[in-house]
PDB file of N, CA and C in Angstrom:
ATOM      1  N   MET A   1       5.602 -14.191 -12.798  1.00  0.00           N
ATOM      2  CA  MET A   1       5.852 -14.176 -11.449  1.00  0.00           C
ATOM      3  C   MET A   1       6.720 -13.018 -11.313  1.00  0.00           C
ATOM      4  N   MET A   2       6.621 -12.482 -10.152  1.00  0.00           N
ATOM      5  CA  MET A   2       7.442 -11.104  -9.768  1.00  0.00           C
ATOM      6  C   MET A   2       8.816 -11.809  -8.918  1.00  0.00           C
ATOM      7  N   GLU A   3       9.819 -11.099  -9.469  1.00  0.00           N
ATOM      8  CA  GLU A   3      11.053 -11.231  -9.075  1.00  0.00           C
ATOM      9  C   GLU A   3      11.690 -10.113  -8.068  1.00  0.00           C
ATOM     10  N   GLU A   4      12.475 -10.611  -7.154  1.00  0.00           N
ATOM     11  CA  GLU A   4      13.145  -9.587  -6.364  1.00  0.00           C
ATOM     12  C   GLU A   4      14.456  -9.312  -7.169  1.00  0.00           C
ATOM     13  N   LEU A   5      14.777  -8.159  -7.010  1.00  0.00           N
ATOM     14  CA  LEU A   5      15.934  -7.651  -7.640  1.00  0.00           C
ATOM     15  C   LEU A   5      17.035  -7.519  -6.379  1.00  0.00           C
ATOM     16  N   LYS A   6      18.233  -8.212  -6.155  1.00  0.00           N
ATOM     17  CA  LYS A   6      19.089  -7.928  -5.157  1.00  0.00           C
ATOM     18  C   LYS A   6      20.248  -7.610  -5.446  1.00  0.00           C
ATOM     19  N   THR A   7      20.774  -7.479  -6.632  1.00  0.00           N
ATOM     20  CA  THR A   7      22.121  -7.149  -7.059  1.00  0.00           C
ATOM     21  C   THR A   7      21.692  -6.208  -8.348  1.00  0.00           C
ATOM     22  N   VAL A   8      22.515  -5.143  -8.611  1.00  0.00           N
ATOM     23  CA  VAL A   8      22.705  -4.434  -9.776  1.00  0.00           C
ATOM     24  C   VAL A   8      22.922  -5.124 -11.138  1.00  0.00           C
ATOM     25  N   GLN A   9      23.271  -6.088 -11.009  1.00  0.00           N
ATOM     26  CA  GLN A   9      23.189  -7.090 -12.233  1.00  0.00           C
ATOM     27  C   GLN A   9      21.861  -7.513 -12.445  1.00  0.00           C
ATOM     28  N   GLU A  10      21.155  -7.891 -11.452  1.00  0.00           N
ATOM     29  CA  GLU A  10      19.750  -8.372 -11.681  1.00  0.00           C
ATOM     30  C   GLU A  10      18.857  -7.295 -12.248  1.00  0.00           C
ATOM     31  N   TRP A  11      18.999  -6.111 -11.771  1.00  0.00           N
ATOM     32  CA  TRP A  11      18.399  -4.842 -12.254  1.00  0.00           C
ATOM     33  C   TRP A  11      18.961  -4.615 -13.731  1.00  0.00           C
ATOM     34  N   GLU A  12      20.093  -4.525 -14.204  1.00  0.00           N
ATOM     35  CA  GLU A  12      20.450  -4.352 -15.446  1.00  0.00           C
ATOM     36  C   GLU A  12      19.812  -5.566 -16.366  1.00  0.00           C
ATOM     37  N   THR A  13      19.789  -6.650 -16.051  1.00  0.00           N
ATOM     38  CA  THR A  13      19.101  -7.825 -16.832  1.00  0.00           C
ATOM     39  C   THR A  13      17.903  -7.660 -16.913  1.00  0.00           C
ATOM     40  N   PHE A  14      16.980  -7.169 -15.765  1.00  0.00           N
ATOM     41  CA  PHE A  14      15.483  -6.831 -15.862  1.00  0.00           C
ATOM     42  C   PHE A  14      15.209  -5.789 -16.646  1.00  0.00           C
ATOM     43  N   LYS A  15      16.055  -4.738 -16.626  1.00  0.00           N
ATOM     44  CA  LYS A  15      15.889  -3.253 -17.110  1.00  0.00           C
ATOM     45  C   LYS A  15      15.924  -3.727 -18.748  1.00  0.00           C
ATOM     46  N   GLU A  16      16.679  -4.526 -19.399  1.00  0.00           N
ATOM     47  CA  GLU A  16      16.664  -4.781 -20.521  1.00  0.00           C
ATOM     48  C   GLU A  16      15.397  -5.322 -21.204  1.00  0.00           C
ATOM     49  N   LYS A  17      14.675  -5.876 -20.476  1.00  0.00           N
ATOM     50  CA  LYS A  17      13.302  -6.480 -20.789  1.00  0.00           C
ATOM     51  C   LYS A  17      12.457  -5.365 -21.259  1.00  0.00           C
ATOM     52  N   ALA A  18      12.572  -4.170 -20.769  1.00  0.00           N
ATOM     53  CA  ALA A  18      11.736  -3.007 -21.076  1.00  0.00           C
ATOM     54  C   ALA A  18      11.964  -2.690 -22.381  1.00  0.00           C
ATOM     55  N   THR A  19      12.956  -3.042 -23.129  1.00  0.00           N
ATOM     56  CA  THR A  19      12.993  -2.564 -24.607  1.00  0.00           C
ATOM     57  C   THR A  19      12.143  -3.572 -25.606  1.00  0.00           C
ATOM     58  N   GLU A  20      11.640  -4.352 -24.976  1.00  0.00           N
ATOM     59  CA  GLU A  20      11.006  -5.507 -25.900  1.00  0.00           C
ATOM     60  C   GLU A  20       9.503  -5.419 -25.329  1.00  0.00           C
ATOM     61  N   GLN A  21       9.208  -5.281 -23.898  1.00  0.00           N
ATOM     62  CA  GLN A  21       7.848  -5.162 -23.198  1.00  0.00           C
ATOM     63  C   GLN A  21       7.508  -4.273 -22.202  1.00  0.00           C
ATOM     64  N   THR A  22       6.661  -4.241 -21.850  1.00  0.00           N
ATOM     65  CA  THR A  22       6.201  -3.438 -20.686  1.00  0.00           C
ATOM     66  C   THR A  22       6.662  -4.201 -19.432  1.00  0.00           C
ATOM     67  N   VAL A  23       7.549  -3.348 -18.592  1.00  0.00           N
ATOM     68  CA  VAL A  23       7.862  -3.989 -17.342  1.00  0.00           C
ATOM     69  C   VAL A  23       7.506  -3.073 -15.792  1.00  0.00           C
ATOM     70  N   LEU A  24       7.333  -3.652 -15.027  1.00  0.00           N
ATOM     71  CA  LEU A  24       7.004  -2.933 -13.562  1.00  0.00           C
ATOM     72  C   LEU A  24       7.975  -3.074 -12.675  1.00  0.00           C
ATOM     73  N   VAL A  25       8.414  -2.062 -12.057  1.00  0.00           N
ATOM     74  CA  VAL A  25       9.576  -2.249 -10.830  1.00  0.00           C
ATOM     75  C   VAL A  25       8.838  -1.543  -9.598  1.00  0.00           C
ATOM     76  N   PHE A  26       8.797  -2.135  -8.654  1.00  0.00           N
ATOM     77  CA  PHE A  26       8.319  -1.463  -7.256  1.00  0.00           C
ATOM     78  C   PHE A  26       9.575  -1.397  -6.399  1.00  0.00           C
ATOM     79  N   LYS A  27       9.833  -0.255  -5.705  1.00  0.00           N
ATOM     80  CA  LYS A  27      10.730  -0.037  -4.589  1.00  0.00           C
ATOM     81  C   LYS A  27       9.902  -0.193  -3.344  1.00  0.00           C
ATOM     82  N   HIS A  28      10.502  -1.038  -2.633  1.00  0.00           N
ATOM     83  CA  HIS A  28       9.604  -1.524  -1.260  1.00  0.00           C
ATOM     84  C   HIS A  28      10.380  -1.222  -0.123  1.00  0.00           C
ATOM     85  N   SER A  29       9.989  -0.207   0.950  1.00  0.00           N
ATOM     86  CA  SER A  29      10.606  -0.226   2.204  1.00  0.00           C
ATOM     87  C   SER A  29      10.054  -1.234   3.270  1.00  0.00           C
ATOM     88  N   THR A  30      10.818  -2.204   3.774  1.00  0.00           N
ATOM     89  CA  THR A  30      10.109  -3.111   4.532  1.00  0.00           C
ATOM     90  C   THR A  30       9.837  -2.852   6.027  1.00  0.00           C
ATOM     91  N   GLN A  31      10.221  -1.467   6.252  1.00  0.00           N
ATOM     92  CA  GLN A  31       9.800  -0.804   7.638  1.00  0.00           C
ATOM     93  C   GLN A  31       8.836   0.285   7.428  1.00  0.00           C
ATOM     94  N   CYS A  32       8.169   0.295   6.201  1.00  0.00           N
ATOM     95  CA  CYS A  32       7.003   1.351   6.425  1.00  0.00           C
ATOM     96  C   CYS A  32       5.720   0.823   5.968  1.00  0.00           C
ATOM     97  N   PRO A  33       4.661   0.990   6.812  1.00  0.00           N
ATOM     98  CA  PRO A  33       3.355   0.605   6.537  1.00  0.00           C
ATOM     99  C   PRO A  33       2.506   1.258   5.442  1.00  0.00           C
ATOM    100  N   VAL A  34       3.101   2.463   4.652  1.00  0.00           N
ATOM    101  CA  VAL A  34       2.592   2.716   3.750  1.00  0.00           C
ATOM    102  C   VAL A  34       3.047   2.005   2.426  1.00  0.00           C
ATOM    103  N   SER A  35       4.406   1.714   2.664  1.00  0.00           N
ATOM    104  CA  SER A  35       4.882   0.727   1.529  1.00  0.00           C
ATOM    105  C   SER A  35       4.161  -0.552   1.581  1.00  0.00           C
ATOM    106  N   ALA A  36       4.145  -0.989   2.563  1.00  0.00           N
ATOM    107  CA  ALA A  36       3.391  -2.403   2.831  1.00  0.00           C
ATOM    108  C   ALA A  36       2.028  -2.647   2.157  1.00  0.00           C
ATOM    109  N   GLU A  37       1.202  -1.356   2.429  1.00  0.00           N
ATOM    110  CA  GLU A  37      -0.189  -1.275   1.798  1.00  0.00           C
ATOM    111  C   GLU A  37      -0.152  -1.108   0.159  1.00  0.00           C
ATOM    112  N   ALA A  38       0.914  -0.190  -0.170  1.00  0.00           N
ATOM    113  CA  ALA A  38       1.366  -0.099  -1.578  1.00  0.00           C
ATOM    114  C   ALA A  38       1.661  -1.572  -2.273  1.00  0.00           C
ATOM    115  N   PHE A  39       2.457  -2.093  -1.665  1.00  0.00           N
ATOM    116  CA  PHE A  39       3.051  -3.315  -2.116  1.00  0.00           C
ATOM    117  C   PHE A  39       2.047  -4.500  -2.295  1.00  0.00           C
ATOM    118  N   GLU A  40       1.146  -4.385  -1.560  1.00  0.00           N
ATOM    119  CA  GLU A  40      -0.232  -5.210  -1.546  1.00  0.00           C
ATOM    120  C   GLU A  40      -0.980  -4.828  -2.768  1.00  0.00           C
ATOM    121  N   GLU A  41      -1.138  -3.437  -3.086  1.00  0.00           N
ATOM    122  CA  GLU A  41      -1.658  -3.189  -4.272  1.00  0.00           C
ATOM    123  C   GLU A  41      -0.954  -3.773  -5.550  1.00  0.00           C
ATOM    124  N   PHE A  42       0.347  -3.537  -5.511  1.00  0.00           N
ATOM    125  CA  PHE A  42       1.121  -3.998  -6.614  1.00  0.00           C
ATOM    126  C   PHE A  42       0.985  -5.563  -6.790  1.00  0.00           C
ATOM    127  N   GLN A  43       1.002  -6.218  -5.575  1.00  0.00           N
ATOM    128  CA  GLN A  43       0.965  -7.687  -5.674  1.00  0.00           C
ATOM    129  C   GLN A  43      -0.475  -8.096  -6.132  1.00  0.00           C
ATOM    130  N   ALA A  44      -1.622  -7.372  -6.008  1.00  0.00           N
ATOM    131  CA  ALA A  44      -2.776  -7.647  -6.529  1.00  0.00           C
ATOM    132  C   ALA A  44      -2.951  -7.565  -8.151  1.00  0.00           C
ATOM    133  N   PHE A  45      -2.226  -6.341  -8.257  1.00  0.00           N
ATOM    134  CA  PHE A  45      -2.076  -6.163  -9.781  1.00  0.00           C
ATOM    135  C   PHE A  45      -1.186  -7.141 -10.524  1.00  0.00           C
ATOM    136  N   THR A  46      -0.082  -7.710 -10.161  1.00  0.00           N
ATOM    137  CA  THR A  46       0.343  -8.859 -10.575  1.00  0.00           C
ATOM    138  C   THR A  46      -0.271 -10.285 -10.625  1.00  0.00           C
ATOM    139  N   SER A  47      -1.225 -10.193  -9.560  1.00  0.00           N
ATOM    140  CA  SER A  47      -1.891 -11.522  -9.762  1.00  0.00           C
ATOM    141  C   SER A  47      -3.022 -11.588 -10.681  1.00  0.00           C
ATOM    142  N   ASP A  48      -3.483 -10.251 -10.761  1.00  0.00           N
ATOM    143  CA  ASP A  48      -4.585  -9.900 -11.930  1.00  0.00           C
ATOM    144  C   ASP A  48      -4.130 -10.253 -13.323  1.00  0.00           C
ATOM    145  N   ASN A  49      -2.746  -9.950 -13.573  1.00  0.00           N
ATOM    146  CA  ASN A  49      -2.114  -9.415 -14.871  1.00  0.00           C
ATOM    147  C   ASN A  49      -0.653 -10.259 -14.644  1.00  0.00           C
ATOM    148  N   PRO A  50      -0.829 -11.711 -14.733  1.00  0.00           N
ATOM    149  CA  PRO A  50       0.460 -12.289 -14.818  1.00  0.00           C
ATOM    150  C   PRO A  50       1.442 -12.226 -16.061  1.00  0.00           C
ATOM    151  N   THR A  51       0.915 -11.532 -17.059  1.00  0.00           N
ATOM    152  CA  THR A  51       1.699 -11.732 -18.225  1.00  0.00           C
ATOM    153  C   THR A  51       2.806 -10.610 -18.180  1.00  0.00           C
ATOM    154  N   TYR A  52       2.563  -9.790 -17.453  1.00  0.00           N
ATOM    155  CA  TYR A  52       3.726  -8.551 -17.322  1.00  0.00           C
ATOM    156  C   TYR A  52       4.935  -8.960 -16.469  1.00  0.00           C
ATOM    157  N   ALA A  53       6.036  -8.416 -17.051  1.00  0.00           N
ATOM    158  CA  ALA A  53       7.379  -8.627 -16.329  1.00  0.00           C
ATOM    159  C   ALA A  53       7.483  -7.846 -15.106  1.00  0.00           C
ATOM    160  N   THR A  54       7.323  -8.243 -14.078  1.00  0.00           N
ATOM    161  CA  THR A  54       7.465  -7.310 -12.583  1.00  0.00           C
ATOM    162  C   THR A  54       8.562  -7.687 -11.648  1.00  0.00           C
ATOM    163  N   ALA A  55       9.026  -6.715 -11.132  1.00  0.00           N
ATOM    164  CA  ALA A  55       9.868  -6.885  -9.950  1.00  0.00           C
ATOM    165  C   ALA A  55       9.770  -6.149  -8.981  1.00  0.00           C
ATOM    166  N   PHE A  56      10.605  -6.454  -7.885  1.00  0.00           N
ATOM    167  CA  PHE A  56      10.515  -5.504  -6.560  1.00  0.00           C
ATOM    168  C   PHE A  56      11.977  -5.413  -6.222  1.00  0.00           C
ATOM    169  N   VAL A  57      12.224  -4.160  -5.595  1.00  0.00           N
ATOM    170  CA  VAL A  57      13.398  -4.058  -4.714  1.00  0.00           C
ATOM    171  C   VAL A  57      13.293  -3.770  -3.367  1.00  0.00           C
ATOM    172  N   LYS A  58      13.826  -4.330  -2.190  1.00  0.00           N
ATOM    173  CA  LYS A  58      13.759  -3.920  -0.991  1.00  0.00           C
ATOM    174  C   LYS A  58      14.840  -2.735  -0.842  1.00  0.00           C
ATOM    175  N   VAL A  59      14.397  -1.626  -0.552  1.00  0.00           N
ATOM    176  CA  VAL A  59      15.242  -0.411  -0.744  1.00  0.00           C
ATOM    177  C   VAL A  59      16.318  -0.612   0.384  1.00  0.00           C
ATOM    178  N   ILE A  60      16.139  -0.712   1.552  1.00  0.00           N
ATOM    179  CA  ILE A  60      16.598  -0.782   2.832  1.00  0.00           C
ATOM    180  C   ILE A  60      17.942  -1.955   2.769  1.00  0.00           C
ATOM    181  N   GLU A  61      17.528  -3.134   2.241  1.00  0.00           N
ATOM    182  CA  GLU A  61      18.160  -4.414   2.322  1.00  0.00           C
ATOM    183  C   GLU A  61      19.177  -4.384   0.931  1.00  0.00           C
ATOM    184  N   SER A  62      18.678  -3.720  -0.083  1.00  0.00           N
ATOM    185  CA  SER A  62      19.393  -3.689  -1.322  1.00  0.00           C
ATOM    186  C   SER A  62      19.548  -2.363  -1.967  1.00  0.00           C
ATOM    187  N   ARG A  63      20.190  -1.545  -0.945  1.00  0.00           N
ATOM    188  CA  ARG A  63      20.546  -0.158  -1.244  1.00  0.00           C
ATOM    189  C   ARG A  63      21.022   0.244  -2.557  1.00  0.00           C
ATOM    190  N   PRO A  64      22.191  -0.307  -2.955  1.00  0.00           N
ATOM    191  CA  PRO A  64      22.823  -0.248  -4.256  1.00  0.00           C
ATOM    192  C   PRO A  64      21.895  -0.284  -5.342  1.00  0.00           C
ATOM    193  N   VAL A  65      21.073  -1.447  -5.365  1.00  0.00           N
ATOM    194  CA  VAL A  65      20.087  -1.708  -6.375  1.00  0.00           C
ATOM    195  C   VAL A  65      19.116  -0.338  -6.520  1.00  0.00           C
ATOM    196  N   SER A  66      18.492  -0.089  -5.373  1.00  0.00           N
ATOM    197  CA  SER A  66      17.647   1.057  -5.287  1.00  0.00           C
ATOM    198  C   SER A  66      18.440   2.224  -5.849  1.00  0.00           C
ATOM    199  N   ASN A  67      19.624   2.621  -5.532  1.00  0.00           N
ATOM    200  CA  ASN A  67      20.182   3.636  -5.982  1.00  0.00           C
ATOM    201  C   ASN A  67      20.496   3.820  -7.228  1.00  0.00           C
ATOM    202  N   GLN A  68      20.729   2.503  -7.844  1.00  0.00           N
ATOM    203  CA  GLN A  68      21.122   2.468  -9.442  1.00  0.00           C
ATOM    204  C   GLN A  68      19.763   2.718 -10.188  1.00  0.00           C
ATOM    205  N   ILE A  69      18.699   2.145  -9.691  1.00  0.00           N
ATOM    206  CA  ILE A  69      17.207   2.345 -10.284  1.00  0.00           C
ATOM    207  C   ILE A  69      17.184   3.732 -10.402  1.00  0.00           C
ATOM    208  N   ALA A  70      17.352   4.660  -9.315  1.00  0.00           N
ATOM    209  CA  ALA A  70      17.113   5.992  -9.296  1.00  0.00           C
ATOM    210  C   ALA A  70      17.755   6.709 -10.345  1.00  0.00           C
ATOM    211  N   GLU A  71      19.189   6.224 -10.298  1.00  0.00           N
ATOM    212  CA  GLU A  71      20.222   6.901 -11.225  1.00  0.00           C
ATOM    213  C   GLU A  71      19.808   6.408 -12.590  1.00  0.00           C
ATOM    214  N   ASP A  72      19.501   5.580 -12.876  1.00  0.00           N
ATOM    215  CA  ASP A  72      19.316   4.792 -14.525  1.00  0.00           C
ATOM    216  C   ASP A  72      18.077   5.572 -14.880  1.00  0.00           C
ATOM    217  N   LEU A  73      17.010   5.590 -14.130  1.00  0.00           N
ATOM    218  CA  LEU A  73      15.736   6.285 -14.431  1.00  0.00           C
ATOM    219  C   LEU A  73      15.867   7.597 -14.199  1.00  0.00           C
ATOM    220  N   ASP A  74      16.622   8.332 -13.995  1.00  0.00           N
ATOM    221  CA  ASP A  74      16.811   9.692 -13.589  1.00  0.00           C
ATOM    222  C   ASP A  74      15.644  10.218 -12.756  1.00  0.00           C
ATOM    223  N   THR A  75      15.551   9.607 -11.483  1.00  0.00           N
ATOM    224  CA  THR A  75      14.401  10.022 -10.661  1.00  0.00           C
ATOM    225  C   THR A  75      15.021  10.295  -9.195  1.00  0.00           C
ATOM    226  N   VAL A  76      14.271  10.860  -8.633  1.00  0.00           N
ATOM    227  CA  VAL A  76      14.352  11.142  -7.054  1.00  0.00           C
ATOM    228  C   VAL A  76      14.021   9.826  -6.350  1.00  0.00           C
ATOM    229  N   HIS A  77      14.747   9.273  -5.479  1.00  0.00           N
ATOM    230  CA  HIS A  77      14.427   8.099  -4.650  1.00  0.00           C
ATOM    231  C   HIS A  77      13.142   8.465  -3.754  1.00  0.00           C
ATOM    232  N   LYS A  78      12.109   7.717  -4.070  1.00  0.00           N
ATOM    233  CA  LYS A  78      11.098   7.532  -2.780  1.00  0.00           C
ATOM    234  C   LYS A  78      10.766   5.945  -2.688  1.00  0.00           C
ATOM    235  N   SER A  79      10.092   5.865  -1.632  1.00  0.00           N
ATOM    236  CA  SER A  79       9.745   4.506  -1.264  1.00  0.00           C
ATOM    237  C   SER A  79       8.295   4.382  -0.408  1.00  0.00           C
ATOM    238  N   PRO A  80       7.536   3.804  -0.923  1.00  0.00           N
ATOM    239  CA  PRO A  80       7.177   3.052  -2.042  1.00  0.00           C
ATOM    240  C   PRO A  80       7.097   3.744  -3.180  1.00  0.00           C
ATOM    241  N   GLN A  81       7.722   3.319  -4.445  1.00  0.00           N
ATOM    242  CA  GLN A  81       7.786   3.899  -5.690  1.00  0.00           C
ATOM    243  C   GLN A  81       7.592   2.803  -6.791  1.00  0.00           C
ATOM    244  N   LEU A  82       6.775   3.145  -7.657  1.00  0.00           N
ATOM    245  CA  LEU A  82       6.488   2.382  -8.695  1.00  0.00           C
ATOM    246  C   LEU A  82       6.620   2.767 -10.076  1.00  0.00           C
ATOM    247  N   PHE A  83       7.263   2.271 -10.995  1.00  0.00           N
ATOM    248  CA  PHE A  83       7.662   2.725 -12.204  1.00  0.00           C
ATOM    249  C   PHE A  83       7.153   1.387 -13.367  1.00  0.00           C
ATOM    250  N   VAL A  84       6.285   2.244 -14.318  1.00  0.00           N
ATOM    251  CA  VAL A  84       5.894   1.367 -15.424  1.00  0.00           C
ATOM    252  C   VAL A  84       6.920   1.628 -16.564  1.00  0.00           C
ATOM    253  N   LEU A  85       7.717   0.763 -17.238  1.00  0.00           N
ATOM    254  CA  LEU A  85       8.610   1.093 -18.187  1.00  0.00           C
ATOM    255  C   LEU A  85       8.197   0.439 -19.721  1.00  0.00           C
ATOM    256  N   LYS A  86       8.190   1.458 -20.692  1.00  0.00           N
ATOM    257  CA  LYS A  86       7.855   0.971 -21.959  1.00  0.00           C
ATOM    258  C   LYS A  86       9.130   1.327 -22.781  1.00  0.00           C
ATOM    259  N   ASN A  87       9.225   0.881 -24.032  1.00  0.00           N
ATOM    260  CA  ASN A  87      10.236   0.811 -24.995  1.00  0.00           C
ATOM    261  C   ASN A  87      11.435   1.713 -24.192  1.00  0.00           C
ATOM    262  N   GLY A  88      11.999   0.858 -23.085  1.00  0.00           N
ATOM    263  CA  GLY A  88      13.130   1.331 -22.455  1.00  0.00           C
ATOM    264  C   GLY A  88      12.876   2.754 -21.501  1.00  0.00           C
ATOM    265  N   GLN A  89      11.944   3.242 -21.567  1.00  0.00           N
ATOM    266  CA  GLN A  89      11.871   4.615 -20.880  1.00  0.00           C
ATOM    267  C   GLN A  89      10.631   4.489 -19.670  1.00  0.00           C
ATOM    268  N   VAL A  90      10.774   5.337 -18.891  1.00  0.00           N
ATOM    269  CA  VAL A  90       9.918   5.618 -17.953  1.00  0.00           C
ATOM    270  C   VAL A  90       8.476   5.944 -18.356  1.00  0.00           C
ATOM    271  N   HIS A  91       7.483   5.207 -18.441  1.00  0.00           N
ATOM    272  CA  HIS A  91       6.030   5.621 -19.026  1.00  0.00           C
ATOM    273  C   HIS A  91       5.279   6.267 -17.904  1.00  0.00           C
ATOM    274  N   TRP A  92       5.265   5.776 -16.669  1.00  0.00           N
ATOM    275  CA  TRP A  92       4.692   6.214 -15.727  1.00  0.00           C
ATOM    276  C   TRP A  92       5.380   5.946 -14.391  1.00  0.00           C
ATOM    277  N   THR A  93       5.330   6.673 -13.242  1.00  0.00           N
ATOM    278  CA  THR A  93       5.667   6.653 -12.021  1.00  0.00           C
ATOM    279  C   THR A  93       4.925   6.855 -10.928  1.00  0.00           C
ATOM    280  N   GLU A  94       4.706   6.383  -9.968  1.00  0.00           N
ATOM    281  CA  GLU A  94       3.984   6.878  -8.817  1.00  0.00           C
ATOM    282  C   GLU A  94       4.362   6.544  -7.490  1.00  0.00           C
ATOM    283  N   SER A  95       4.190   7.195  -6.146  1.00  0.00           N
ATOM    284  CA  SER A  95       4.557   6.654  -5.045  1.00  0.00           C
ATOM    285  C   SER A  95       3.693   6.872  -3.932  1.00  0.00           C
ATOM    286  N   HIS A  96       3.937   6.536  -2.887  1.00  0.00           N
ATOM    287  CA  HIS A  96       3.054   6.360  -1.544  1.00  0.00           C
ATOM    288  C   HIS A  96       1.432   5.636  -1.976  1.00  0.00           C
ATOM    289  N   TRP A  97       0.488   6.587  -1.578  1.00  0.00           N
ATOM    290  CA  TRP A  97      -0.800   6.306  -1.521  1.00  0.00           C
ATOM    291  C   TRP A  97      -1.471   6.214  -2.946  1.00  0.00           C
ATOM    292  N   ASN A  98      -0.831   6.872  -3.779  1.00  0.00           N
ATOM    293  CA  ASN A  98      -1.273   6.649  -5.060  1.00  0.00           C
ATOM    294  C   ASN A  98      -0.779   5.238  -5.830  1.00  0.00           C
ATOM    295  N   ILE A  99      -0.408   4.344  -5.404  1.00  0.00           N
ATOM    296  CA  ILE A  99       0.013   3.076  -5.994  1.00  0.00           C
ATOM    297  C   ILE A  99      -1.284   2.327  -5.839  1.00  0.00           C
ATOM    298  N   LYS A 100      -2.088   2.274  -6.575  1.00  0.00           N
ATOM    299  CA  LYS A 100      -3.405   1.396  -6.591  1.00  0.00           C
ATOM    300  C   LYS A 100      -3.265   0.669  -7.649  1.00  0.00           C
ATOM    301  N   ASN A 101      -4.104  -0.655  -7.516  1.00  0.00           N
ATOM    302  CA  ASN A 101      -4.257  -1.682  -8.606  1.00  0.00           C
ATOM    303  C   ASN A 101      -4.993  -1.080  -9.745  1.00  0.00           C
ATOM    304  N   LYS A 102      -6.105  -0.420  -9.563  1.00  0.00           N
ATOM    305  CA  LYS A 102      -6.590   0.368 -10.618  1.00  0.00           C
ATOM    306  C   LYS A 102      -5.869   1.235 -11.488  1.00  0.00           C
ATOM    307  N   ALA A 103      -5.268   2.057 -10.787  1.00  0.00           N
ATOM    308  CA  ALA A 103      -4.183   3.175 -11.368  1.00  0.00           C
ATOM    309  C   ALA A 103      -3.095   2.360 -12.105  1.00  0.00           C
ATOM    310  N   ILE A 104      -2.582   1.251 -11.762  1.00  0.00           N
ATOM    311  CA  ILE A 104      -1.564   0.597 -12.530  1.00  0.00           C
ATOM    312  C   ILE A 104      -2.010   0.116 -13.763  1.00  0.00           C
ATOM    313  N   ALA A 105      -3.262  -0.603 -13.625  1.00  0.00           N
ATOM    314  CA  ALA A 105      -3.887  -1.174 -14.866  1.00  0.00           C
ATOM    315  C   ALA A 105      -4.274  -0.213 -16.016  1.00  0.00           C
ATOM    316  N   GLU A 106      -4.583   1.147 -15.380  1.00  0.00           N
ATOM    317  CA  GLU A 106      -4.599   2.076 -16.487  1.00  0.00           C
ATOM    318  C   GLU A 106      -3.487   2.781 -17.088  1.00  0.00           C
ATOM    319  N   GLN A 107      -2.339   2.326 -16.554  1.00  0.00           N
ATOM    320  CA  GLN A 107      -0.958   3.074 -17.113  1.00  0.00           C
ATOM    321  C   GLN A 107      -0.327   1.771 -17.961  1.00  0.00           C
ATOM    322  N   VAL A 108      -0.829   0.541 -18.063  1.00  0.00           N
ATOM    323  CA  VAL A 108      -0.085  -0.434 -18.545  1.00  0.00           C
ATOM    324  C   VAL A 108      -0.875  -0.678 -20.049  1.00  0.00           C
TER     325      VAL A 108
END
């Protein structure tokens, strides 16, 4: 089940899972139609692959969490943006129109 990260503590707890398993984190802008489409692709992936730990953060509503993710993963903020984390590290990241169910499946 996909979880929403609303606090930095929730992000920290979720991030710890990446040391033991592949996890996916989606940064979502609720005011952007491109993000809405990318989020649908991410949801399709999670529906097809329920064994992965998945989470999302609403970047406007939970700005501190979004900023902490960018800092922790040493990346420039984008939204929509997807991260695949393996062994505690960023294995793959993509943004905007490139977030597709098939592309995600190829990276996990």
